PDB file of N, CA and C in Angstrom:
ATOM      1  N   UNK A   1      -1.223  79.606  72.766  1.00  0.00           N
ATOM      2  CA  UNK A   1      -0.948  78.192  72.858  1.00  0.00           C
ATOM      3  C   UNK A   1       0.355  77.852  72.135  1.00  0.00           C
ATOM      4  N   UNK A   2       0.582  78.455  70.970  1.00  0.00           N
ATOM      5  CA  UNK A   2       1.808  78.204  70.225  1.00  0.00           C
ATOM      6  C   UNK A   2       3.033  78.659  71.022  1.00  0.00           C
ATOM      7  N   UNK A   3       2.890  79.807  71.663  1.00  0.00           N
ATOM      8  CA  UNK A   3       4.000  80.337  72.460  1.00  0.00           C
ATOM      9  C   UNK A   3       4.335  79.379  73.604  1.00  0.00           C
ATOM     10  N   UNK A   4       3.306  78.838  74.240  1.00  0.00           N
ATOM     11  CA  UNK A   4       3.518  77.891  75.339  1.00  0.00           C
ATOM     12  C   UNK A   4       4.229  76.634  74.834  1.00  0.00           C
ATOM     13  N   UNK A   5       3.816  76.123  73.689  1.00  0.00           N
ATOM     14  CA  UNK A   5       4.475  74.954  73.106  1.00  0.00           C
ATOM     15  C   UNK A   5       5.927  75.259  72.763  1.00  0.00           C
ATOM     16  N   UNK A   6       6.164  76.455  72.254  1.00  0.00           N
ATOM     17  CA  UNK A   6       7.524  76.847  71.906  1.00  0.00           C
ATOM     18  C   UNK A   6       8.405  76.869  73.146  1.00  0.00           C
ATOM     19  N   UNK A   7       7.882  77.390  74.258  1.00  0.00           N
ATOM     20  CA  UNK A   7       8.650  77.429  75.498  1.00  0.00           C
ATOM     21  C   UNK A   7       8.986  76.027  75.978  1.00  0.00           C
ATOM     22  N   UNK A   8       8.028  75.129  75.911  1.00  0.00           N
ATOM     23  CA  UNK A   8       8.271  73.756  76.338  1.00  0.00           C
ATOM     24  C   UNK A   8       9.344  73.123  75.467  1.00  0.00           C
ATOM     25  N   UNK A   9       9.251  73.342  74.172  1.00  0.00           N
ATOM     26  CA  UNK A   9      10.251  72.800  73.251  1.00  0.00           C
ATOM     27  C   UNK A   9      11.626  73.381  73.552  1.00  0.00           C
ATOM     28  N   UNK A  10      11.702  74.674  73.810  1.00  0.00           N
ATOM     29  CA  UNK A  10      12.975  75.312  74.134  1.00  0.00           C
ATOM     30  C   UNK A  10      13.577  74.702  75.407  1.00  0.00           C
ATOM     31  N   UNK A  11      12.740  74.464  76.412  1.00  0.00           N
ATOM     32  CA  UNK A  11      13.235  73.869  77.646  1.00  0.00           C
ATOM     33  C   UNK A  11      13.727  72.450  77.401  1.00  0.00           C
ATOM     34  N   UNK A  12      13.002  71.695  76.608  1.00  0.00           N
ATOM     35  CA  UNK A  12      13.404  70.330  76.311  1.00  0.00           C
ATOM     36  C   UNK A  12      14.722  70.321  75.537  1.00  0.00           C
ATOM     37  N   UNK A  13      14.878  71.239  74.627  1.00  0.00           N
ATOM     38  CA  UNK A  13      16.133  71.327  73.891  1.00  0.00           C
ATOM     39  C   UNK A  13      17.283  71.640  74.836  1.00  0.00           C
ATOM     40  N   UNK A  14      17.043  72.503  75.769  1.00  0.00           N
ATOM     41  CA  UNK A  14      18.090  72.838  76.720  1.00  0.00           C
ATOM     42  C   UNK A  14      18.503  71.607  77.521  1.00  0.00           C
ATOM     43  N   UNK A  15      17.535  70.842  77.998  1.00  0.00           N
ATOM     44  CA  UNK A  15      17.830  69.619  78.736  1.00  0.00           C
ATOM     45  C   UNK A  15      18.594  68.634  77.861  1.00  0.00           C
ATOM     46  N   UNK A  16      18.139  68.468  76.622  1.00  0.00           N
ATOM     47  CA  UNK A  16      18.801  67.544  75.701  1.00  0.00           C
ATOM     48  C   UNK A  16      20.224  67.993  75.419  1.00  0.00           C
ATOM     49  N   UNK A  17      20.402  69.282  75.251  1.00  0.00           N
ATOM     50  CA  UNK A  17      21.747  69.790  74.991  1.00  0.00           C
ATOM     51  C   UNK A  17      22.666  69.527  76.179  1.00  0.00           C
ATOM     52  N   UNK A  18      22.143  69.693  77.364  1.00  0.00           N
ATOM     53  CA  UNK A  18      22.948  69.417  78.548  1.00  0.00           C
ATOM     54  C   UNK A  18      23.321  67.944  78.634  1.00  0.00           C
ATOM     55  N   UNK A  19      22.380  67.080  78.264  1.00  0.00           N
ATOM     56  CA  UNK A  19      22.656  65.642  78.294  1.00  0.00           C
ATOM     57  C   UNK A  19      23.699  65.257  77.262  1.00  0.00           C
ATOM     58  N   UNK A  20      23.732  65.981  76.149  1.00  0.00           N
ATOM     59  CA  UNK A  20      24.643  65.652  75.059  1.00  0.00           C
ATOM     60  C   UNK A  20      26.056  66.190  75.259  1.00  0.00           C
ATOM     61  N   UNK A  21      26.265  66.987  76.281  1.00  0.00           N
ATOM     62  CA  UNK A  21      27.607  67.524  76.505  1.00  0.00           C
ATOM     63  C   UNK A  21      28.538  66.353  76.824  1.00  0.00           C
ATOM     64  N   UNK A  22      29.631  66.274  76.096  1.00  0.00           N
ATOM     65  CA  UNK A  22      30.561  65.152  76.284  1.00  0.00           C
ATOM     66  C   UNK A  22      31.116  65.175  77.700  1.00  0.00           C
ATOM     67  N   UNK A  23      30.883  64.113  78.433  1.00  0.00           N
ATOM     68  CA  UNK A  23      31.403  64.004  79.791  1.00  0.00           C
ATOM     69  C   UNK A  23      30.707  64.903  80.782  1.00  0.00           C
ATOM     70  N   UNK A  24      29.561  65.435  80.456  1.00  0.00           N
ATOM     71  CA  UNK A  24      28.868  66.362  81.350  1.00  0.00           C
ATOM     72  C   UNK A  24      28.586  65.765  82.704  1.00  0.00           C
ATOM     73  N   UNK A  25      28.079  64.557  82.722  1.00  0.00           N
ATOM     74  CA  UNK A  25      27.780  63.917  83.999  1.00  0.00           C
ATOM     75  C   UNK A  25      29.053  63.605  84.770  1.00  0.00           C
ATOM     76  N   UNK A  26      30.090  63.176  84.061  1.00  0.00           N
ATOM     77  CA  UNK A  26      31.352  62.865  84.728  1.00  0.00           C
ATOM     78  C   UNK A  26      31.963  64.127  85.312  1.00  0.00           C
ATOM     79  N   UNK A  27      31.870  65.215  84.579  1.00  0.00           N
ATOM     80  CA  UNK A  27      32.410  66.479  85.064  1.00  0.00           C
ATOM     81  C   UNK A  27      31.676  66.919  86.325  1.00  0.00           C
ATOM     82  N   UNK A  28      30.367  66.775  86.317  1.00  0.00           N
ATOM     83  CA  UNK A  28      29.584  67.145  87.494  1.00  0.00           C
ATOM     84  C   UNK A  28      29.954  66.252  88.679  1.00  0.00           C
ATOM     85  N   UNK A  29      30.122  64.957  88.427  1.00  0.00           N
ATOM     86  CA  UNK A  29      30.520  64.039  89.495  1.00  0.00           C
ATOM     87  C   UNK A  29      31.878  64.425  90.056  1.00  0.00           C
ATOM     88  N   UNK A  30      32.811  64.797  89.179  1.00  0.00           N
ATOM     89  CA  UNK A  30      34.138  65.203  89.634  1.00  0.00           C
ATOM     90  C   UNK A  30      34.066  66.469  90.476  1.00  0.00           C
ATOM     91  N   UNK A  31      33.236  67.407  90.058  1.00  0.00           N
ATOM     92  CA  UNK A  31      33.093  68.652  90.830  1.00  0.00           C
ATOM     93  C   UNK A  31      32.503  68.366  92.210  1.00  0.00           C
ATOM     94  N   UNK A  32      31.487  67.513  92.256  1.00  0.00           N
ATOM     95  CA  UNK A  32      30.876  67.176  93.538  1.00  0.00           C
ATOM     96  C   UNK A  32      31.867  66.439  94.435  1.00  0.00           C
ATOM     97  N   UNK A  33      32.645  65.541  93.845  1.00  0.00           N
ATOM     98  CA  UNK A  33      33.646  64.808  94.612  1.00  0.00           C
ATOM     99  C   UNK A  33      34.699  65.769  95.162  1.00  0.00           C
ATOM    100  N   UNK A  34      35.109  66.736  94.328  1.00  0.00           N
ATOM    101  CA  UNK A  34      36.087  67.729  94.766  1.00  0.00           C
ATOM    102  C   UNK A  34      35.543  68.550  95.933  1.00  0.00           C
ATOM    103  N   UNK A  35      34.296  68.984  95.819  1.00  0.00           N
ATOM    104  CA  UNK A  35      33.688  69.757  96.905  1.00  0.00           C
ATOM    105  C   UNK A  35      33.568  68.922  98.166  1.00  0.00           C
ATOM    106  N   UNK A  36      33.226  67.653  98.006  1.00  0.00           N
ATOM    107  CA  UNK A  36      33.114  66.754  99.154  1.00  0.00           C
ATOM    108  C   UNK A  36      34.471  66.594  99.836  1.00  0.00           C
ATOM    109  N   UNK A  37      35.515  66.432  99.027  1.00  0.00           N
ATOM    110  CA  UNK A  37      36.866  66.304  99.583  1.00  0.00           C
ATOM    111  C   UNK A  37      37.292  67.579 100.297  1.00  0.00           C
ATOM    112  N   UNK A  38      36.927  68.717  99.732  1.00  0.00           N
ATOM    113  CA  UNK A  38      37.266  69.991 100.382  1.00  0.00           C
ATOM    114  C   UNK A  38      36.577  70.106 101.733  1.00  0.00           C
ATOM    115  N   UNK A  39      35.299  69.733 101.794  1.00  0.00           N
ATOM    116  CA  UNK A  39      34.579  69.850 103.063  1.00  0.00           C
ATOM    117  C   UNK A  39      35.133  68.868 104.085  1.00  0.00           C
ATOM    118  N   UNK A  40      35.571  67.692 103.629  1.00  0.00           N
ATOM    119  CA  UNK A  40      36.198  66.730 104.547  1.00  0.00           C
ATOM    120  C   UNK A  40      37.510  67.284 105.066  1.00  0.00           C
ATOM    121  N   UNK A  41      38.258  67.942 104.194  1.00  0.00           N
ATOM    122  CA  UNK A  41      39.534  68.538 104.602  1.00  0.00           C
ATOM    123  C   UNK A  41      39.306  69.623 105.647  1.00  0.00           C
ATOM    124  N   UNK A  42      38.288  70.432 105.442  1.00  0.00           N
ATOM    125  CA  UNK A  42      37.964  71.487 106.406  1.00  0.00           C
ATOM    126  C   UNK A  42      37.598  70.866 107.748  1.00  0.00           C
ATOM    127  N   UNK A  43      36.805  69.800 107.716  1.00  0.00           N
ATOM    128  CA  UNK A  43      36.434  69.122 108.966  1.00  0.00           C
ATOM    129  C   UNK A  43      37.661  68.551 109.650  1.00  0.00           C
ATOM    130  N   UNK A  44      38.586  67.987 108.882  1.00  0.00           N
ATOM    131  CA  UNK A  44      39.816  67.438 109.450  1.00  0.00           C
ATOM    132  C   UNK A  44      40.650  68.528 110.106  1.00  0.00           C
ATOM    133  N   UNK A  45      40.773  69.669 109.448  1.00  0.00           N
ATOM    134  CA  UNK A  45      41.541  70.789 110.002  1.00  0.00           C
ATOM    135  C   UNK A  45      40.876  71.289 111.281  1.00  0.00           C
ATOM    136  N   UNK A  46      39.562  71.404 111.252  1.00  0.00           N
ATOM    137  CA  UNK A  46      38.851  71.867 112.446  1.00  0.00           C
ATOM    138  C   UNK A  46      39.026  70.878 113.596  1.00  0.00           C
ATOM    139  N   UNK A  47      38.958  69.599 113.306  1.00  0.00           N
ATOM    140  CA  UNK A  47      39.138  68.583 114.342  1.00  0.00           C
ATOM    141  C   UNK A  47      40.549  68.657 114.920  1.00  0.00           C
ATOM    142  N   UNK A  48      41.540  68.849 114.060  1.00  0.00           N
ATOM    143  CA  UNK A  48      42.933  68.973 114.510  1.00  0.00           C
ATOM    144  C   UNK A  48      43.101  70.193 115.409  1.00  0.00           C
ATOM    145  N   UNK A  49      42.508  71.298 115.021  1.00  0.00           N
ATOM    146  CA  UNK A  49      42.605  72.513 115.846  1.00  0.00           C
ATOM    147  C   UNK A  49      41.938  72.316 117.199  1.00  0.00           C
ATOM    148  N   UNK A  50      40.794  71.649 117.208  1.00  0.00           N
ATOM    149  CA  UNK A  50      40.115  71.381 118.479  1.00  0.00           C
ATOM    150  C   UNK A  50      40.953  70.464 119.362  1.00  0.00           C
ATOM    151  N   UNK A  51      41.585  69.472 118.757  1.00  0.00           N
ATOM    152  CA  UNK A  51      42.460  68.581 119.518  1.00  0.00           C
ATOM    153  C   UNK A  51      43.619  69.359 120.127  1.00  0.00           C
ATOM    154  N   UNK A  52      44.206  70.254 119.343  1.00  0.00           N
ATOM    155  CA  UNK A  52      45.313  71.066 119.849  1.00  0.00           C
ATOM    156  C   UNK A  52      44.858  71.955 120.998  1.00  0.00           C
ATOM    157  N   UNK A  53      43.690  72.533 120.861  1.00  0.00           N
ATOM    158  CA  UNK A  53      43.164  73.378 121.944  1.00  0.00           C
ATOM    159  C   UNK A  53      42.886  72.542 123.204  1.00  0.00           C
ATOM    160  N   UNK A  54      42.374  71.345 123.007  1.00  0.00           N
ATOM    161  CA  UNK A  54      42.131  70.460 124.154  1.00  0.00           C
ATOM    162  C   UNK A  54      43.448  70.123 124.854  1.00  0.00           C
ATOM    163  N   UNK A  55      44.490  69.866 124.085  1.00  0.00           N
ATOM    164  CA  UNK A  55      45.794  69.533 124.678  1.00  0.00           C
ATOM    165  C   UNK A  55      46.359  70.721 125.436  1.00  0.00           C
ATOM    166  N   UNK A  56      46.147  71.911 124.918  1.00  0.00           N
ATOM    167  CA  UNK A  56      46.651  73.112 125.617  1.00  0.00           C
ATOM    168  C   UNK A  56      45.911  73.355 126.915  1.00  0.00           C
ATOM    169  N   UNK A  57      44.637  73.038 126.934  1.00  0.00           N
ATOM    170  CA  UNK A  57      43.841  73.338 128.122  1.00  0.00           C
ATOM    171  C   UNK A  57      44.027  72.285 129.226  1.00  0.00           C
ATOM    172  N   UNK A  58      44.653  71.162 128.919  1.00  0.00           N
ATOM    173  CA  UNK A  58      44.857  70.113 129.948  1.00  0.00           C
ATOM    174  C   UNK A  58      46.033  70.391 130.817  1.00  0.00           C
TER     175      UNK A  58
END
């Protein structure tokens, strides 16, 4: 039982430590925004290539 309580406490400390990281949430938001922008850029490039292929085939 003590070991189980210790594990729970360790997990809670880990969560608390993550919450206490300065700018942790902002950093995560920036990373997600960057990934979102990258995927949008890839979609834009793919759309441009498809448009070019459509123009060639006409």
